[in-house]
Amino acid sequence: MDAGGSLLPRLQRDQANARREQLKDRVLLLGMIISEVKNREIELRRDANDDDVVDVIRKGIKKRRESVELYGKAGRTDLLEKEQSEVTALEVYLPAEVD
């Protein structure tokens, strides 16, 4: 399975740890990303490499940032904070940005 990536196994390990620690939101978030990576593998007809996984994570972050904006306009701070914390949780998996 691990053709060209170490990121997917890391996501799966982190999800297992979150499950053990009973961090329900984190388990769901990582499960969603892992599922999107699996869909990408089906689409590409090959195992996902780290670049593919990073792409899926970036799309997930973009989607959540758009939600943060909408919830902000609607005054839904409860939902805004949840989405923002998911963005922060996912950013950990991105490679360091080069200035």
PDB file of N, CA and C in Angstrom:
ATOM      1  N   MET A   1       0.823  -1.201   0.000  1.00  0.00           N
ATOM      2  CA  MET A   1       0.000   0.000   0.000  1.00  0.00           C
ATOM      3  C   MET A   1       0.857   1.250   0.000  1.00  0.00           C
ATOM      4  N   ASP A   2       1.892   1.307   0.797  1.00  0.00           N
ATOM      5  CA  ASP A   2       2.676   2.517   0.981  1.00  0.00           C
ATOM      6  C   ASP A   2       3.645   2.717  -0.174  1.00  0.00           C
ATOM      7  N   ALA A   3       3.105   2.992  -1.349  1.00  0.00           N
ATOM      8  CA  ALA A   3       3.908   3.107  -2.564  1.00  0.00           C
ATOM      9  C   ALA A   3       4.827   4.314  -2.518  1.00  0.00           C
ATOM     10  N   GLY A   4       4.266   5.497  -2.263  1.00  0.00           N
ATOM     11  CA  GLY A   4       5.114   6.659  -2.286  1.00  0.00           C
ATOM     12  C   GLY A   4       4.796   7.631  -1.186  1.00  0.00           C
ATOM     13  N   GLY A   5       4.189   7.158  -0.114  1.00  0.00           N
ATOM     14  CA  GLY A   5       3.784   8.131   0.878  1.00  0.00           C
ATOM     15  C   GLY A   5       3.894   7.663   2.308  1.00  0.00           C
ATOM     16  N   SER A   6       4.115   8.622   3.181  1.00  0.00           N
ATOM     17  CA  SER A   6       4.139   8.331   4.609  1.00  0.00           C
ATOM     18  C   SER A   6       3.036   9.107   5.311  1.00  0.00           C
ATOM     19  N   LEU A   7       2.360   9.966   4.541  1.00  0.00           N
ATOM     20  CA  LEU A   7       1.337  10.822   5.126  1.00  0.00           C
ATOM     21  C   LEU A   7       0.042  10.069   5.445  1.00  0.00           C
ATOM     22  N   LEU A   8      -0.401   9.202   4.546  1.00  0.00           N
ATOM     23  CA  LEU A   8      -1.636   8.450   4.792  1.00  0.00           C
ATOM     24  C   LEU A   8      -1.505   7.550   6.032  1.00  0.00           C
ATOM     25  N   PRO A   9      -0.409   6.775   6.144  1.00  0.00           N
ATOM     26  CA  PRO A   9      -0.264   5.976   7.376  1.00  0.00           C
ATOM     27  C   PRO A   9      -0.226   6.841   8.643  1.00  0.00           C
ATOM     28  N   ARG A  10       0.352   8.040   8.526  1.00  0.00           N
ATOM     29  CA  ARG A  10       0.375   8.956   9.680  1.00  0.00           C
ATOM     30  C   ARG A  10      -1.037   9.397  10.047  1.00  0.00           C
ATOM     31  N   LEU A  11      -1.850   9.715   9.036  1.00  0.00           N
ATOM     32  CA  LEU A  11      -3.247  10.081   9.290  1.00  0.00           C
ATOM     33  C   LEU A  11      -3.983   8.935   9.977  1.00  0.00           C
ATOM     34  N   GLN A  12      -3.746   7.714   9.483  1.00  0.00           N
ATOM     35  CA  GLN A  12      -4.421   6.541  10.054  1.00  0.00           C
ATOM     36  C   GLN A  12      -3.969   6.283  11.493  1.00  0.00           C
ATOM     37  N   ARG A  13      -2.673   6.456  11.761  1.00  0.00           N
ATOM     38  CA  ARG A  13      -2.165   6.302  13.135  1.00  0.00           C
ATOM     39  C   ARG A  13      -2.789   7.343  14.054  1.00  0.00           C
ATOM     40  N   ASP A  14      -2.817   8.599  13.585  1.00  0.00           N
ATOM     41  CA  ASP A  14      -3.377   9.678  14.395  1.00  0.00           C
ATOM     42  C   ASP A  14      -4.864   9.455  14.664  1.00  0.00           C
ATOM     43  N   GLN A  15      -5.558   8.895  13.658  1.00  0.00           N
ATOM     44  CA  GLN A  15      -6.979   8.600  13.857  1.00  0.00           C
ATOM     45  C   GLN A  15      -7.142   7.500  14.920  1.00  0.00           C
ATOM     46  N   ALA A  16      -6.300   6.488  14.865  1.00  0.00           N
ATOM     47  CA  ALA A  16      -6.366   5.403  15.854  1.00  0.00           C
ATOM     48  C   ALA A  16      -6.078   5.950  17.254  1.00  0.00           C
ATOM     49  N   ASN A  17      -5.093   6.844  17.365  1.00  0.00           N
ATOM     50  CA  ASN A  17      -4.783   7.462  18.665  1.00  0.00           C
ATOM     51  C   ASN A  17      -5.947   8.302  19.164  1.00  0.00           C
ATOM     52  N   ALA A  18      -6.549   9.069  18.260  1.00  0.00           N
ATOM     53  CA  ALA A  18      -7.699   9.899  18.641  1.00  0.00           C
ATOM     54  C   ALA A  18      -8.859   9.018  19.106  1.00  0.00           C
ATOM     55  N   ARG A  19      -9.030   7.872  18.439  1.00  0.00           N
ATOM     56  CA  ARG A  19     -10.096   6.935  18.823  1.00  0.00           C
ATOM     57  C   ARG A  19      -9.836   6.416  20.241  1.00  0.00           C
ATOM     58  N   ARG A  20      -8.577   6.053  20.515  1.00  0.00           N
ATOM     59  CA  ARG A  20      -8.217   5.576  21.858  1.00  0.00           C
ATOM     60  C   ARG A  20      -8.447   6.641  22.922  1.00  0.00           C
ATOM     61  N   GLU A  21      -8.135   7.893  22.557  1.00  0.00           N
ATOM     62  CA  GLU A  21      -8.307   9.003  23.506  1.00  0.00           C
ATOM     63  C   GLU A  21      -9.744   9.535  23.520  1.00  0.00           C
ATOM     64  N   GLN A  22     -10.598   8.914  22.704  1.00  0.00           N
ATOM     65  CA  GLN A  22     -12.016   9.272  22.596  1.00  0.00           C
ATOM     66  C   GLN A  22     -12.234  10.732  22.209  1.00  0.00           C
ATOM     67  N   LEU A  23     -11.427  11.203  21.238  1.00  0.00           N
ATOM     68  CA  LEU A  23     -11.579  12.552  20.695  1.00  0.00           C
ATOM     69  C   LEU A  23     -12.458  12.441  19.453  1.00  0.00           C
ATOM     70  N   LYS A  24     -13.765  12.405  19.691  1.00  0.00           N
ATOM     71  CA  LYS A  24     -14.733  12.101  18.633  1.00  0.00           C
ATOM     72  C   LYS A  24     -14.605  13.011  17.409  1.00  0.00           C
ATOM     73  N   ASP A  25     -14.490  14.318  17.633  1.00  0.00           N
ATOM     74  CA  ASP A  25     -14.399  15.262  16.512  1.00  0.00           C
ATOM     75  C   ASP A  25     -13.167  14.987  15.658  1.00  0.00           C
ATOM     76  N   ARG A  26     -12.058  14.681  16.321  1.00  0.00           N
ATOM     77  CA  ARG A  26     -10.802  14.406  15.612  1.00  0.00           C
ATOM     78  C   ARG A  26     -10.904  13.102  14.808  1.00  0.00           C
ATOM     79  N   VAL A  27     -11.520  12.086  15.409  1.00  0.00           N
ATOM     80  CA  VAL A  27     -11.715  10.803  14.718  1.00  0.00           C
ATOM     81  C   VAL A  27     -12.534  11.020  13.446  1.00  0.00           C
ATOM     82  N   LEU A  28     -13.609  11.793  13.566  1.00  0.00           N
ATOM     83  CA  LEU A  28     -14.474  12.069  12.409  1.00  0.00           C
ATOM     84  C   LEU A  28     -13.740  12.873  11.345  1.00  0.00           C
ATOM     85  N   LEU A  29     -13.005  13.891  11.764  1.00  0.00           N
ATOM     86  CA  LEU A  29     -12.266  14.740  10.822  1.00  0.00           C
ATOM     87  C   LEU A  29     -11.245  13.917  10.042  1.00  0.00           C
ATOM     88  N   LEU A  30     -10.426  13.143  10.760  1.00  0.00           N
ATOM     89  CA  LEU A  30      -9.394  12.336  10.096  1.00  0.00           C
ATOM     90  C   LEU A  30     -10.036  11.250   9.235  1.00  0.00           C
ATOM     91  N   GLY A  31     -11.140  10.688   9.701  1.00  0.00           N
ATOM     92  CA  GLY A  31     -11.856   9.675   8.928  1.00  0.00           C
ATOM     93  C   GLY A  31     -12.356  10.230   7.605  1.00  0.00           C
ATOM     94  N   MET A  32     -12.833  11.470   7.650  1.00  0.00           N
ATOM     95  CA  MET A  32     -13.325  12.125   6.442  1.00  0.00           C
ATOM     96  C   MET A  32     -12.179  12.324   5.442  1.00  0.00           C
ATOM     97  N   ILE A  33     -11.037  12.788   5.930  1.00  0.00           N
ATOM     98  CA  ILE A  33      -9.877  13.026   5.055  1.00  0.00           C
ATOM     99  C   ILE A  33      -9.365  11.699   4.487  1.00  0.00           C
ATOM    100  N   ILE A  34      -9.260  10.672   5.329  1.00  0.00           N
ATOM    101  CA  ILE A  34      -8.790   9.361   4.873  1.00  0.00           C
ATOM    102  C   ILE A  34      -9.721   8.820   3.793  1.00  0.00           C
ATOM    103  N   SER A  35     -11.024   8.993   4.005  1.00  0.00           N
ATOM    104  CA  SER A  35     -12.015   8.544   3.033  1.00  0.00           C
ATOM    105  C   SER A  35     -11.862   9.294   1.706  1.00  0.00           C
ATOM    106  N   GLU A  36     -11.591  10.597   1.781  1.00  0.00           N
ATOM    107  CA  GLU A  36     -11.386  11.377   0.561  1.00  0.00           C
ATOM    108  C   GLU A  36     -10.117  10.933  -0.166  1.00  0.00           C
ATOM    109  N   VAL A  37      -9.095  10.549   0.603  1.00  0.00           N
ATOM    110  CA  VAL A  37      -7.860  10.030  -0.009  1.00  0.00           C
ATOM    111  C   VAL A  37      -8.157   8.704  -0.715  1.00  0.00           C
ATOM    112  N   LYS A  38      -8.952   7.843  -0.077  1.00  0.00           N
ATOM    113  CA  LYS A  38      -9.320   6.558  -0.696  1.00  0.00           C
ATOM    114  C   LYS A  38     -10.094   6.797  -2.000  1.00  0.00           C
ATOM    115  N   ASN A  39     -10.992   7.784  -1.992  1.00  0.00           N
ATOM    116  CA  ASN A  39     -11.726   8.125  -3.215  1.00  0.00           C
ATOM    117  C   ASN A  39     -10.778   8.608  -4.294  1.00  0.00           C
ATOM    118  N   ARG A  40      -9.774   9.386  -3.907  1.00  0.00           N
ATOM    119  CA  ARG A  40      -8.784   9.871  -4.860  1.00  0.00           C
ATOM    120  C   ARG A  40      -8.012   8.693  -5.461  1.00  0.00           C
ATOM    121  N   GLU A  41      -7.702   7.699  -4.630  1.00  0.00           N
ATOM    122  CA  GLU A  41      -6.995   6.508  -5.130  1.00  0.00           C
ATOM    123  C   GLU A  41      -7.825   5.778  -6.182  1.00  0.00           C
ATOM    124  N   ILE A  42      -9.119   5.686  -5.933  1.00  0.00           N
ATOM    125  CA  ILE A  42     -10.019   5.030  -6.888  1.00  0.00           C
ATOM    126  C   ILE A  42     -10.031   5.823  -8.197  1.00  0.00           C
ATOM    127  N   GLU A  43     -10.117   7.138  -8.061  1.00  0.00           N
ATOM    128  CA  GLU A  43     -10.114   8.046  -9.209  1.00  0.00           C
ATOM    129  C   GLU A  43      -8.829   7.885 -10.034  1.00  0.00           C
ATOM    130  N   LEU A  44      -7.677   7.824  -9.339  1.00  0.00           N
ATOM    131  CA  LEU A  44      -6.372   7.760 -10.003  1.00  0.00           C
ATOM    132  C   LEU A  44      -5.994   6.338 -10.428  1.00  0.00           C
ATOM    133  N   ARG A  45      -6.744   5.355  -9.922  1.00  0.00           N
ATOM    134  CA  ARG A  45      -6.447   3.935 -10.156  1.00  0.00           C
ATOM    135  C   ARG A  45      -5.034   3.566  -9.729  1.00  0.00           C
ATOM    136  N   ARG A  46      -4.594   4.165  -8.626  1.00  0.00           N
ATOM    137  CA  ARG A  46      -3.291   3.835  -8.031  1.00  0.00           C
ATOM    138  C   ARG A  46      -3.291   4.303  -6.580  1.00  0.00           C
ATOM    139  N   ASP A  47      -2.277   3.858  -5.829  1.00  0.00           N
ATOM    140  CA  ASP A  47      -2.160   4.311  -4.442  1.00  0.00           C
ATOM    141  C   ASP A  47      -1.803   5.792  -4.413  1.00  0.00           C
ATOM    142  N   ALA A  48      -2.307   6.480  -3.419  1.00  0.00           N
ATOM    143  CA  ALA A  48      -2.025   7.912  -3.286  1.00  0.00           C
ATOM    144  C   ALA A  48      -0.616   8.105  -2.741  1.00  0.00           C
ATOM    145  N   ASN A  49       0.101   9.070  -3.311  1.00  0.00           N
ATOM    146  CA  ASN A  49       1.395   9.432  -2.737  1.00  0.00           C
ATOM    147  C   ASN A  49       1.183  10.658  -1.840  1.00  0.00           C
ATOM    148  N   ASP A  50       2.249  11.124  -1.209  1.00  0.00           N
ATOM    149  CA  ASP A  50       2.100  12.260  -0.289  1.00  0.00           C
ATOM    150  C   ASP A  50       1.537  13.499  -0.978  1.00  0.00           C
ATOM    151  N   ASP A  51       1.927  13.731  -2.238  1.00  0.00           N
ATOM    152  CA  ASP A  51       1.403  14.897  -2.960  1.00  0.00           C
ATOM    153  C   ASP A  51      -0.115  14.810  -3.107  1.00  0.00           C
ATOM    154  N   ASP A  52      -0.613  13.603  -3.401  1.00  0.00           N
ATOM    155  CA  ASP A  52      -2.064  13.402  -3.527  1.00  0.00           C
ATOM    156  C   ASP A  52      -2.753  13.674  -2.193  1.00  0.00           C
ATOM    157  N   VAL A  53      -2.151  13.166  -1.115  1.00  0.00           N
ATOM    158  CA  VAL A  53      -2.736  13.339   0.222  1.00  0.00           C
ATOM    159  C   VAL A  53      -2.742  14.820   0.606  1.00  0.00           C
ATOM    160  N   VAL A  54      -1.631  15.507   0.340  1.00  0.00           N
ATOM    161  CA  VAL A  54      -1.543  16.941   0.638  1.00  0.00           C
ATOM    162  C   VAL A  54      -2.607  17.706  -0.147  1.00  0.00           C
ATOM    163  N   ASP A  55      -2.820  17.318  -1.398  1.00  0.00           N
ATOM    164  CA  ASP A  55      -3.830  17.956  -2.228  1.00  0.00           C
ATOM    165  C   ASP A  55      -5.220  17.798  -1.605  1.00  0.00           C
ATOM    166  N   VAL A  56      -5.531  16.590  -1.142  1.00  0.00           N
ATOM    167  CA  VAL A  56      -6.828  16.328  -0.492  1.00  0.00           C
ATOM    168  C   VAL A  56      -6.961  17.182   0.776  1.00  0.00           C
ATOM    169  N   ILE A  57      -5.879  17.260   1.561  1.00  0.00           N
ATOM    170  CA  ILE A  57      -5.909  18.048   2.804  1.00  0.00           C
ATOM    171  C   ILE A  57      -6.103  19.538   2.485  1.00  0.00           C
ATOM    172  N   ARG A  58      -5.377  20.028   1.473  1.00  0.00           N
ATOM    173  CA  ARG A  58      -5.526  21.446   1.085  1.00  0.00           C
ATOM    174  C   ARG A  58      -6.966  21.753   0.670  1.00  0.00           C
ATOM    175  N   LYS A  59      -7.577  20.843  -0.095  1.00  0.00           N
ATOM    176  CA  LYS A  59      -8.974  21.042  -0.511  1.00  0.00           C
ATOM    177  C   LYS A  59      -9.896  21.067   0.710  1.00  0.00           C
ATOM    178  N   GLY A  60      -9.623  20.173   1.658  1.00  0.00           N
ATOM    179  CA  GLY A  60     -10.418  20.136   2.893  1.00  0.00           C
ATOM    180  C   GLY A  60     -10.291  21.428   3.675  1.00  0.00           C
ATOM    181  N   ILE A  61      -9.081  21.973   3.741  1.00  0.00           N
ATOM    182  CA  ILE A  61      -8.849  23.237   4.448  1.00  0.00           C
ATOM    183  C   ILE A  61      -9.569  24.379   3.730  1.00  0.00           C
ATOM    184  N   LYS A  62      -9.461  24.401   2.403  1.00  0.00           N
ATOM    185  CA  LYS A  62     -10.106  25.456   1.607  1.00  0.00           C
ATOM    186  C   LYS A  62     -11.624  25.453   1.845  1.00  0.00           C
ATOM    187  N   LYS A  63     -12.201  24.246   1.811  1.00  0.00           N
ATOM    188  CA  LYS A  63     -13.646  24.101   2.024  1.00  0.00           C
ATOM    189  C   LYS A  63     -14.031  24.631   3.415  1.00  0.00           C
ATOM    190  N   ARG A  64     -13.224  24.300   4.423  1.00  0.00           N
ATOM    191  CA  ARG A  64     -13.533  24.730   5.785  1.00  0.00           C
ATOM    192  C   ARG A  64     -13.344  26.236   5.961  1.00  0.00           C
ATOM    193  N   ARG A  65     -12.344  26.803   5.287  1.00  0.00           N
ATOM    194  CA  ARG A  65     -12.147  28.263   5.371  1.00  0.00           C
ATOM    195  C   ARG A  65     -13.330  28.997   4.746  1.00  0.00           C
ATOM    196  N   GLU A  66     -13.863  28.448   3.647  1.00  0.00           N
ATOM    197  CA  GLU A  66     -15.050  29.052   3.028  1.00  0.00           C
ATOM    198  C   GLU A  66     -16.232  28.985   3.999  1.00  0.00           C
ATOM    199  N   SER A  67     -16.360  27.869   4.701  1.00  0.00           N
ATOM    200  CA  SER A  67     -17.435  27.737   5.694  1.00  0.00           C
ATOM    201  C   SER A  67     -17.260  28.733   6.829  1.00  0.00           C
ATOM    202  N   VAL A  68     -16.009  28.926   7.275  1.00  0.00           N
ATOM    203  CA  VAL A  68     -15.727  29.886   8.349  1.00  0.00           C
ATOM    204  C   VAL A  68     -16.239  31.268   7.940  1.00  0.00           C
ATOM    205  N   GLU A  69     -15.960  31.641   6.693  1.00  0.00           N
ATOM    206  CA  GLU A  69     -16.393  32.939   6.179  1.00  0.00           C
ATOM    207  C   GLU A  69     -17.927  33.060   6.200  1.00  0.00           C
ATOM    208  N   LEU A  70     -18.586  32.014   5.686  1.00  0.00           N
ATOM    209  CA  LEU A  70     -20.058  32.031   5.649  1.00  0.00           C
ATOM    210  C   LEU A  70     -20.656  32.074   7.051  1.00  0.00           C
ATOM    211  N   TYR A  71     -20.105  31.255   7.970  1.00  0.00           N
ATOM    212  CA  TYR A  71     -20.630  31.242   9.339  1.00  0.00           C
ATOM    213  C   TYR A  71     -20.381  32.577  10.027  1.00  0.00           C
ATOM    214  N   GLY A  72     -19.262  33.211   9.685  1.00  0.00           N
ATOM    215  CA  GLY A  72     -18.960  34.523  10.252  1.00  0.00           C
ATOM    216  C   GLY A  72     -20.017  35.538   9.840  1.00  0.00           C
ATOM    217  N   LYS A  73     -20.362  35.532   8.547  1.00  0.00           N
ATOM    218  CA  LYS A  73     -21.379  36.452   8.024  1.00  0.00           C
ATOM    219  C   LYS A  73     -22.743  36.177   8.647  1.00  0.00           C
ATOM    220  N   ALA A  74     -22.999  34.904   8.933  1.00  0.00           N
ATOM    221  CA  ALA A  74     -24.304  34.519   9.490  1.00  0.00           C
ATOM    222  C   ALA A  74     -24.331  34.650  11.013  1.00  0.00           C
ATOM    223  N   GLY A  75     -23.179  34.998  11.604  1.00  0.00           N
ATOM    224  CA  GLY A  75     -23.122  35.146  13.062  1.00  0.00           C
ATOM    225  C   GLY A  75     -23.157  33.834  13.817  1.00  0.00           C
ATOM    226  N   ARG A  76     -22.787  32.745  13.151  1.00  0.00           N
ATOM    227  CA  ARG A  76     -22.790  31.430  13.808  1.00  0.00           C
ATOM    228  C   ARG A  76     -21.401  31.113  14.366  1.00  0.00           C
ATOM    229  N   THR A  77     -21.047  31.750  15.475  1.00  0.00           N
ATOM    230  CA  THR A  77     -19.700  31.582  16.033  1.00  0.00           C
ATOM    231  C   THR A  77     -19.441  30.146  16.488  1.00  0.00           C
ATOM    232  N   ASP A  78     -20.498  29.439  16.909  1.00  0.00           N
ATOM    233  CA  ASP A  78     -20.322  28.045  17.338  1.00  0.00           C
ATOM    234  C   ASP A  78     -19.771  27.199  16.184  1.00  0.00           C
ATOM    235  N   LEU A  79     -20.402  27.316  15.013  1.00  0.00           N
ATOM    236  CA  LEU A  79     -19.974  26.550  13.843  1.00  0.00           C
ATOM    237  C   LEU A  79     -18.656  27.077  13.294  1.00  0.00           C
ATOM    238  N   LEU A  80     -18.492  28.387  13.352  1.00  0.00           N
ATOM    239  CA  LEU A  80     -17.256  29.013  12.888  1.00  0.00           C
ATOM    240  C   LEU A  80     -16.060  28.456  13.661  1.00  0.00           C
ATOM    241  N   GLU A  81     -16.177  28.374  14.979  1.00  0.00           N
ATOM    242  CA  GLU A  81     -15.079  27.876  15.816  1.00  0.00           C
ATOM    243  C   GLU A  81     -14.768  26.411  15.528  1.00  0.00           C
ATOM    244  N   LYS A  82     -15.799  25.614  15.277  1.00  0.00           N
ATOM    245  CA  LYS A  82     -15.587  24.198  14.961  1.00  0.00           C
ATOM    246  C   LYS A  82     -14.802  24.055  13.655  1.00  0.00           C
ATOM    247  N   GLU A  83     -15.230  24.776  12.619  1.00  0.00           N
ATOM    248  CA  GLU A  83     -14.543  24.724  11.323  1.00  0.00           C
ATOM    249  C   GLU A  83     -13.107  25.230  11.448  1.00  0.00           C
ATOM    250  N   GLN A  84     -12.927  26.307  12.219  1.00  0.00           N
ATOM    251  CA  GLN A  84     -11.597  26.886  12.387  1.00  0.00           C
ATOM    252  C   GLN A  84     -10.666  25.900  13.096  1.00  0.00           C
ATOM    253  N   SER A  85     -11.184  25.178  14.076  1.00  0.00           N
ATOM    254  CA  SER A  85     -10.344  24.213  14.778  1.00  0.00           C
ATOM    255  C   SER A  85      -9.986  23.043  13.863  1.00  0.00           C
ATOM    256  N   GLU A  86     -10.882  22.700  12.933  1.00  0.00           N
ATOM    257  CA  GLU A  86     -10.575  21.647  11.958  1.00  0.00           C
ATOM    258  C   GLU A  86      -9.473  22.107  11.003  1.00  0.00           C
ATOM    259  N   VAL A  87      -9.524  23.368  10.591  1.00  0.00           N
ATOM    260  CA  VAL A  87      -8.470  23.924   9.728  1.00  0.00           C
ATOM    261  C   VAL A  87      -7.121  23.796  10.438  1.00  0.00           C
ATOM    262  N   THR A  88      -7.087  24.221  11.708  1.00  0.00           N
ATOM    263  CA  THR A  88      -5.856  24.163  12.490  1.00  0.00           C
ATOM    264  C   THR A  88      -5.358  22.725  12.625  1.00  0.00           C
ATOM    265  N   ALA A  89      -6.280  21.790  12.852  1.00  0.00           N
ATOM    266  CA  ALA A  89      -5.913  20.380  13.005  1.00  0.00           C
ATOM    267  C   ALA A  89      -5.338  19.811  11.706  1.00  0.00           C
ATOM    268  N   LEU A  90      -5.880  20.234  10.563  1.00  0.00           N
ATOM    269  CA  LEU A  90      -5.417  19.717   9.270  1.00  0.00           C
ATOM    270  C   LEU A  90      -4.104  20.355   8.823  1.00  0.00           C
ATOM    271  N   GLU A  91      -3.891  21.606   9.189  1.00  0.00           N
ATOM    272  CA  GLU A  91      -2.678  22.309   8.762  1.00  0.00           C
ATOM    273  C   GLU A  91      -1.408  21.619   9.256  1.00  0.00           C
ATOM    274  N   VAL A  92      -1.523  20.880  10.339  1.00  0.00           N
ATOM    275  CA  VAL A  92      -0.390  20.132  10.901  1.00  0.00           C
ATOM    276  C   VAL A  92       0.202  19.158   9.874  1.00  0.00           C
ATOM    277  N   TYR A  93      -0.631  18.671   8.968  1.00  0.00           N
ATOM    278  CA  TYR A  93      -0.209  17.647   8.003  1.00  0.00           C
ATOM    279  C   TYR A  93       0.395  18.225   6.729  1.00  0.00           C
ATOM    280  N   LEU A  94       0.316  19.546   6.564  1.00  0.00           N
ATOM    281  CA  LEU A  94       0.857  20.167   5.364  1.00  0.00           C
ATOM    282  C   LEU A  94       2.365  20.356   5.499  1.00  0.00           C
ATOM    283  N   PRO A  95       3.091  20.278   4.382  1.00  0.00           N
ATOM    284  CA  PRO A  95       4.522  20.560   4.444  1.00  0.00           C
ATOM    285  C   PRO A  95       4.735  22.027   4.815  1.00  0.00           C
ATOM    286  N   ALA A  96       5.865  22.342   5.426  1.00  0.00           N
ATOM    287  CA  ALA A  96       6.160  23.724   5.802  1.00  0.00           C
ATOM    288  C   ALA A  96       6.207  24.589   4.543  1.00  0.00           C
ATOM    289  N   GLU A  97       5.596  25.763   4.636  1.00  0.00           N
ATOM    290  CA  GLU A  97       5.589  26.681   3.497  1.00  0.00           C
ATOM    291  C   GLU A  97       6.966  27.325   3.360  1.00  0.00           C
ATOM    292  N   VAL A  98       7.397  27.482   2.129  1.00  0.00           N
ATOM    293  CA  VAL A  98       8.670  28.132   1.868  1.00  0.00           C
ATOM    294  C   VAL A  98       8.410  29.613   1.640  1.00  0.00           C
ATOM    295  N   ASP A  99       9.134  30.467   2.370  1.00  0.00           N
ATOM    296  CA  ASP A  99       8.938  31.917   2.222  1.00  0.00           C
ATOM    297  C   ASP A  99       9.647  32.438   0.985  1.00  0.00           C
TER     298      ASP A  99
END
